[in-house]
Amino acid sequence: MTPSRSRPLSEVVYVAIVYVVLTAAGILCLFPFLNVLAKSLSANWAIVSGKVGLWPVDFNLKNVGFVIMDAMFQRGLVISVGLTVVGTLAAIAMTAISAYPLSKKQLPGIKFVLLLYIFTMLFNGGLIPNYLLIKNLGLMDNLLSLVLPGLISVFNLLLMKNYYESLPESLEESAKLDGASNLRIVLWIIIPLSAPVFATISLFYAVAFWSDWFHPMLYLNDPALKPLQLYMRDVVLQASDENLMNLDNDLLLGVSPEGIRNATIIVSTIPILLVYPFLQKYFIKGILIGSVKG
């Protein structure tokens, strides 16, 4: 039986240092989130007196309940969920359709078309031309103004293109010998084999649509169309004691502007966090295979 070769001491020390540094960095990244969570679940007196750290003080759910029961929050949540679902599905479809022909190097002029896509990663029209374009298209106060401009991310397009290139060409050749059309090959062979990269890119798109507040702020003036992130921005900036005067005395005893801000942030973060466990098993595989050519 051959004895296993032990690692050199220098390598063991290096690995240990890496683990310690990464663990410390991860803990530091969690501190702000834990503090926000603790404040959202703490009593008003504890928040005002600065006694809340990483654990709730005098635990209560009045701040969270106030946020959830707000009609504007509920409407913003529905709009954001709709935008994220529709936008992600449309974006992944457009990206998949665009990436497949770009992965075929034998097509004439395909390198020039790819160069045009890459050019848009380096240069774009800028804020004012984009705003004027949306305005001239009649998309102001229209939710399509938040979906159409983000249908294709060139970075995601290149990931999917490289993933397609990593698939064996023999699969398509065999299907063509059996009489399958290009559309049938894509629908029944390429797409089922692309689940890892589809999940990865869907996550990228979903986070982008869910987190976007800047474009709604530019293109939406109707309060009824505000997505959740824009509502959250308004709450964080405008929550004050005057905004709480319309509450009854029972709610007023347990609710504070700071608590509402933190509860809004936590409640707005939960939906997108629930998506990660379902896509995590595909994430690493998709990003690795899609980032290099097989």
Protein backbone atom coordinates (compact mmCIF):
# COMPACT_ATOMS: atom_id res chain seq x y z
CA MET A 1 0.00 0.00 0.00
CA THR A 2 1.53 3.26 -1.09
CA PRO A 3 1.56 5.90 1.66
CA SER A 4 -0.18 9.16 0.78
CA ARG A 5 2.10 12.08 0.19
CA SER A 6 1.62 14.83 2.77
CA ARG A 7 1.35 18.44 1.69
CA PRO A 8 4.31 20.74 2.23
CA LEU A 9 4.04 22.94 5.32
CA SER A 10 4.09 26.12 3.21
CA GLU A 11 1.07 24.95 1.21
CA VAL A 12 -0.86 24.06 4.37
CA VAL A 13 -0.12 27.50 5.85
CA TYR A 14 -1.15 29.21 2.60
CA VAL A 15 -4.47 27.33 2.44
CA ALA A 16 -5.16 28.08 6.10
CA ILE A 17 -4.52 31.80 5.58
CA VAL A 18 -6.83 31.84 2.54
CA TYR A 19 -9.64 30.18 4.51
CA VAL A 20 -9.21 32.57 7.43
CA VAL A 21 -9.25 35.65 5.18
CA LEU A 22 -12.26 34.46 3.18
CA THR A 23 -14.17 33.52 6.34
CA ALA A 24 -13.43 36.92 7.90
CA ALA A 25 -14.51 38.70 4.70
CA GLY A 26 -17.74 36.71 4.60
CA ILE A 27 -18.54 37.56 8.21
CA LEU A 28 -17.84 41.26 7.61
CA CYS A 29 -20.21 41.21 4.63
CA LEU A 30 -22.95 39.70 6.83
CA PHE A 31 -22.65 42.32 9.59
CA PRO A 32 -24.61 45.12 7.82
CA PHE A 33 -27.37 42.73 6.77
CA LEU A 34 -27.68 41.30 10.30
CA ASN A 35 -27.84 44.81 11.75
CA VAL A 36 -30.61 45.80 9.34
CA LEU A 37 -32.49 42.58 10.14
CA ALA A 38 -32.12 43.15 13.88
CA LYS A 39 -33.43 46.73 13.65
CA SER A 40 -36.42 45.64 11.60
CA LEU A 41 -37.38 43.21 14.40
CA SER A 42 -36.62 45.46 17.38
CA ALA A 43 -38.75 47.83 19.43
CA ASN A 44 -38.77 51.56 18.79
CA TRP A 45 -37.05 52.48 22.08
CA ALA A 46 -34.15 50.09 21.39
CA ILE A 47 -33.58 51.46 17.89
CA VAL A 48 -33.72 55.11 19.03
CA SER A 49 -31.36 54.49 21.94
CA GLY A 50 -28.85 52.72 19.70
CA LYS A 51 -28.94 49.45 21.62
CA VAL A 52 -29.54 47.23 18.58
CA GLY A 53 -26.49 45.43 17.25
CA LEU A 54 -26.61 42.07 15.52
CA TRP A 55 -29.55 40.69 17.53
CA PRO A 56 -33.09 42.09 17.95
CA VAL A 57 -33.86 43.89 21.21
CA ASP A 58 -37.40 43.54 22.60
CA PHE A 59 -38.41 41.43 19.59
CA ASN A 60 -41.57 42.49 17.74
CA LEU A 61 -42.99 42.35 14.21
CA LYS A 62 -44.78 45.71 14.13
CA ASN A 63 -42.29 47.31 11.70
CA VAL A 64 -42.50 44.33 9.33
CA GLY A 65 -46.28 44.19 9.68
CA PHE A 66 -46.59 47.90 8.89
CA VAL A 67 -44.57 47.47 5.70
CA ILE A 68 -46.39 44.34 4.52
CA MET A 69 -49.83 45.85 5.11
CA ASP A 70 -49.01 49.03 3.19
CA ALA A 71 -51.07 49.08 -0.05
CA MET A 72 -48.25 50.81 -1.96
CA PHE A 73 -45.81 48.10 -0.88
CA GLN A 74 -48.18 45.36 -2.03
CA ARG A 75 -48.70 47.04 -5.39
CA GLY A 76 -44.97 47.61 -5.84
CA LEU A 77 -44.29 43.95 -4.97
CA VAL A 78 -46.74 42.74 -7.60
CA ILE A 79 -45.24 45.07 -10.23
CA SER A 80 -41.66 44.02 -9.41
CA VAL A 81 -42.48 40.31 -9.47
CA GLY A 82 -44.26 40.73 -12.81
CA LEU A 83 -41.39 42.74 -14.28
CA THR A 84 -38.82 40.23 -13.06
CA VAL A 85 -40.67 37.18 -14.37
CA VAL A 86 -41.66 38.65 -17.74
CA GLY A 87 -38.34 40.44 -18.23
CA THR A 88 -36.26 37.38 -17.35
CA LEU A 89 -38.24 35.06 -19.63
CA ALA A 90 -38.09 37.52 -22.53
CA ALA A 91 -34.41 38.26 -21.97
CA ILE A 92 -33.36 34.60 -21.74
CA ALA A 93 -35.32 33.83 -24.92
CA MET A 94 -33.74 36.70 -26.86
CA THR A 95 -30.26 35.84 -25.55
CA ALA A 96 -30.63 32.18 -26.48
CA ILE A 97 -31.89 33.01 -29.96
CA SER A 98 -29.06 35.49 -30.56
CA ALA A 99 -26.28 33.35 -29.08
CA TYR A 100 -26.96 30.22 -31.11
CA PRO A 101 -26.09 31.60 -34.57
CA LEU A 102 -23.13 33.49 -33.09
CA SER A 103 -21.69 30.14 -31.97
CA LYS A 104 -21.54 28.94 -35.59
CA LYS A 105 -18.18 30.15 -36.84
CA GLN A 106 -18.78 28.83 -40.33
CA LEU A 107 -21.55 31.35 -41.00
CA PRO A 108 -20.38 34.16 -43.33
CA GLY A 109 -19.88 37.52 -41.62
CA ILE A 110 -20.54 36.13 -38.16
CA LYS A 111 -17.33 37.62 -36.72
CA PHE A 112 -18.37 41.09 -37.84
CA VAL A 113 -21.80 40.66 -36.23
CA LEU A 114 -20.13 39.50 -33.01
CA LEU A 115 -17.88 42.54 -33.12
CA LEU A 116 -20.95 44.78 -33.30
CA TYR A 117 -22.29 43.19 -30.12
CA ILE A 118 -18.96 43.58 -28.32
CA PHE A 119 -18.77 47.23 -29.45
CA THR A 120 -21.92 47.97 -27.44
CA MET A 121 -20.15 46.72 -24.29
CA LEU A 122 -17.55 49.44 -24.67
CA PHE A 123 -19.61 52.32 -26.05
CA ASN A 124 -23.23 53.36 -25.66
CA GLY A 125 -25.36 56.41 -26.35
CA GLY A 126 -25.41 57.60 -22.75
CA LEU A 127 -28.12 58.63 -20.35
CA ILE A 128 -29.68 61.54 -22.26
CA PRO A 129 -29.92 59.81 -25.67
CA ASN A 130 -31.46 56.75 -24.01
CA TYR A 131 -33.99 58.93 -22.23
CA LEU A 132 -34.88 60.75 -25.44
CA LEU A 133 -35.23 57.43 -27.26
CA ILE A 134 -37.67 56.09 -24.66
CA LYS A 135 -39.60 59.36 -24.76
CA ASN A 136 -39.80 59.46 -28.57
CA LEU A 137 -40.99 55.85 -28.65
CA GLY A 138 -43.88 56.82 -26.39
CA LEU A 139 -42.77 54.51 -23.58
CA MET A 140 -42.81 57.03 -20.74
CA ASP A 141 -45.03 55.79 -17.90
CA ASN A 142 -45.00 52.38 -19.56
CA LEU A 143 -43.57 49.26 -17.93
CA LEU A 144 -42.16 48.18 -21.29
CA SER A 145 -39.55 50.92 -20.85
CA LEU A 146 -38.07 48.78 -18.05
CA VAL A 147 -38.09 45.54 -20.03
CA LEU A 148 -37.16 46.29 -23.64
CA PRO A 149 -33.79 48.07 -23.07
CA GLY A 150 -32.48 45.16 -20.98
CA LEU A 151 -33.54 42.24 -23.14
CA ILE A 152 -29.98 41.36 -24.18
CA SER A 153 -26.89 41.70 -22.03
CA VAL A 154 -23.81 41.20 -24.19
CA PHE A 155 -21.93 39.66 -21.26
CA ASN A 156 -24.66 37.05 -20.81
CA LEU A 157 -24.81 36.60 -24.58
CA LEU A 158 -21.11 35.73 -24.71
CA LEU A 159 -21.46 33.27 -21.83
CA MET A 160 -24.26 31.46 -23.62
CA LYS A 161 -22.40 31.56 -26.96
CA ASN A 162 -19.33 29.96 -25.38
CA TYR A 163 -21.50 27.32 -23.73
CA TYR A 164 -23.06 26.42 -27.09
CA GLU A 165 -19.57 26.11 -28.56
CA SER A 166 -18.63 23.63 -25.80
CA LEU A 167 -21.38 21.22 -26.86
CA PRO A 168 -20.23 18.38 -29.18
CA GLU A 169 -20.93 19.12 -32.84
CA SER A 170 -21.65 15.41 -33.36
CA LEU A 171 -25.00 15.86 -31.60
CA GLU A 172 -26.24 18.27 -34.23
CA GLU A 173 -24.71 16.27 -37.07
CA SER A 174 -26.48 13.10 -35.92
CA ALA A 175 -29.77 14.95 -35.62
CA LYS A 176 -29.42 16.38 -39.13
CA LEU A 177 -28.73 12.91 -40.51
CA ASP A 178 -32.02 11.83 -38.96
CA GLY A 179 -33.80 14.68 -40.77
CA ALA A 180 -34.18 17.14 -37.88
CA SER A 181 -34.51 20.81 -38.82
CA ASN A 182 -32.43 23.55 -37.21
CA LEU A 183 -35.41 24.67 -35.12
CA ARG A 184 -36.03 21.14 -33.88
CA ILE A 185 -32.35 20.74 -33.02
CA VAL A 186 -32.44 23.92 -30.92
CA LEU A 187 -35.69 23.07 -29.14
CA TRP A 188 -35.09 19.38 -28.48
CA ILE A 189 -31.30 19.08 -28.18
CA ILE A 190 -29.54 22.38 -27.50
CA ILE A 191 -31.94 23.91 -24.98
CA PRO A 192 -32.33 20.77 -22.79
CA LEU A 193 -28.54 20.44 -22.63
CA SER A 194 -28.16 24.11 -21.71
CA ALA A 195 -29.97 24.01 -18.36
CA PRO A 196 -26.86 25.07 -16.33
CA VAL A 197 -26.12 28.18 -18.38
CA PHE A 198 -29.83 29.00 -18.68
CA ALA A 199 -30.18 28.90 -14.89
CA THR A 200 -27.07 31.02 -14.40
CA ILE A 201 -28.05 33.70 -16.89
CA SER A 202 -31.67 33.69 -15.69
CA LEU A 203 -30.34 34.50 -12.23
CA PHE A 204 -28.28 37.37 -13.62
CA TYR A 205 -31.27 38.80 -15.45
CA ALA A 206 -33.66 38.29 -12.53
CA VAL A 207 -31.37 40.13 -10.10
CA ALA A 208 -30.90 42.96 -12.60
CA PHE A 209 -34.64 43.43 -13.19
CA TRP A 210 -35.49 43.05 -9.51
CA SER A 211 -32.84 45.49 -8.26
CA ASP A 212 -33.37 48.21 -10.87
CA TRP A 213 -34.57 51.50 -9.39
CA PHE A 214 -32.72 54.01 -11.55
CA HIS A 215 -34.62 53.40 -14.79
CA PRO A 216 -38.04 53.42 -13.10
CA MET A 217 -37.07 56.72 -11.52
CA LEU A 218 -36.31 58.12 -15.00
CA TYR A 219 -39.18 56.70 -17.01
CA LEU A 220 -42.09 56.35 -14.57
CA ASN A 221 -43.92 59.37 -13.19
CA ASP A 222 -47.17 57.59 -12.33
CA PRO A 223 -47.07 56.51 -8.64
CA ALA A 224 -49.34 53.55 -9.50
CA LEU A 225 -46.55 52.07 -11.66
CA LYS A 226 -43.75 52.26 -9.11
CA PRO A 227 -41.95 48.93 -8.67
CA LEU A 228 -40.87 47.76 -5.26
CA GLN A 229 -37.32 49.08 -5.43
CA LEU A 230 -38.50 52.59 -6.26
CA TYR A 231 -41.02 52.40 -3.43
CA MET A 232 -38.23 51.23 -1.12
CA ARG A 233 -36.06 54.16 -2.18
CA ASP A 234 -38.85 56.59 -1.36
CA VAL A 235 -39.38 54.98 2.05
CA VAL A 236 -35.70 55.05 2.93
CA LEU A 237 -35.41 58.72 1.92
CA GLN A 238 -38.74 60.01 3.20
CA ALA A 239 -39.69 57.95 6.27
CA SER A 240 -40.09 60.39 9.14
CA ASP A 241 -42.18 60.93 12.22
CA GLU A 242 -44.65 63.03 10.20
CA ASN A 243 -45.39 60.07 7.93
CA LEU A 244 -46.45 58.02 10.97
CA MET A 245 -49.06 60.43 12.30
CA ASN A 246 -51.84 58.69 10.39
CA LEU A 247 -51.35 55.47 12.39
CA ASP A 248 -53.48 54.58 15.39
CA ASN A 249 -51.95 54.79 18.84
CA ASP A 250 -51.37 51.04 19.17
CA LEU A 251 -49.24 50.86 16.03
CA LEU A 252 -47.51 54.15 16.81
CA LEU A 253 -46.12 52.73 20.06
CA GLY A 254 -44.11 50.06 18.25
CA VAL A 255 -43.21 51.66 14.92
CA SER A 256 -40.34 54.03 14.15
CA PRO A 257 -39.02 55.62 10.95
CA GLU A 258 -35.73 53.76 11.30
CA GLY A 259 -37.53 50.49 11.91
CA ILE A 260 -39.71 51.01 8.84
CA ARG A 261 -36.65 51.71 6.68
CA ASN A 262 -34.90 48.54 7.80
CA ALA A 263 -38.05 46.41 7.61
CA THR A 264 -38.67 47.63 4.05
CA ILE A 265 -35.13 46.65 3.03
CA ILE A 266 -35.47 43.17 4.56
CA VAL A 267 -38.92 42.44 3.13
CA SER A 268 -37.80 43.66 -0.31
CA THR A 269 -34.75 41.40 -0.24
CA ILE A 270 -36.52 38.15 0.70
CA PRO A 271 -38.20 37.34 -2.67
CA ILE A 272 -35.00 37.40 -4.70
CA LEU A 273 -33.16 35.43 -2.00
CA LEU A 274 -35.71 32.65 -2.34
CA VAL A 275 -34.65 32.14 -5.97
CA TYR A 276 -31.02 31.26 -5.19
CA PRO A 277 -31.53 27.79 -3.62
CA PHE A 278 -33.34 26.55 -6.74
CA LEU A 279 -30.59 27.72 -9.12
CA GLN A 280 -27.50 27.20 -6.97
CA LYS A 281 -26.74 23.67 -8.24
CA TYR A 282 -26.57 25.00 -11.81
CA PHE A 283 -24.79 28.26 -11.06
CA ILE A 284 -21.15 27.16 -10.72
CA LYS A 285 -21.35 24.67 -13.58
CA GLY A 286 -22.96 27.20 -15.90
CA ILE A 287 -20.53 30.02 -15.19
CA LEU A 288 -17.46 27.78 -15.57
CA ILE A 289 -18.53 26.06 -18.78
CA GLY A 290 -19.87 29.26 -20.29
CA SER A 291 -16.75 31.28 -19.55
CA VAL A 292 -14.30 29.11 -21.48
CA LYS A 293 -14.47 27.13 -24.69
CA GLY A 294 -14.61 23.38 -24.32
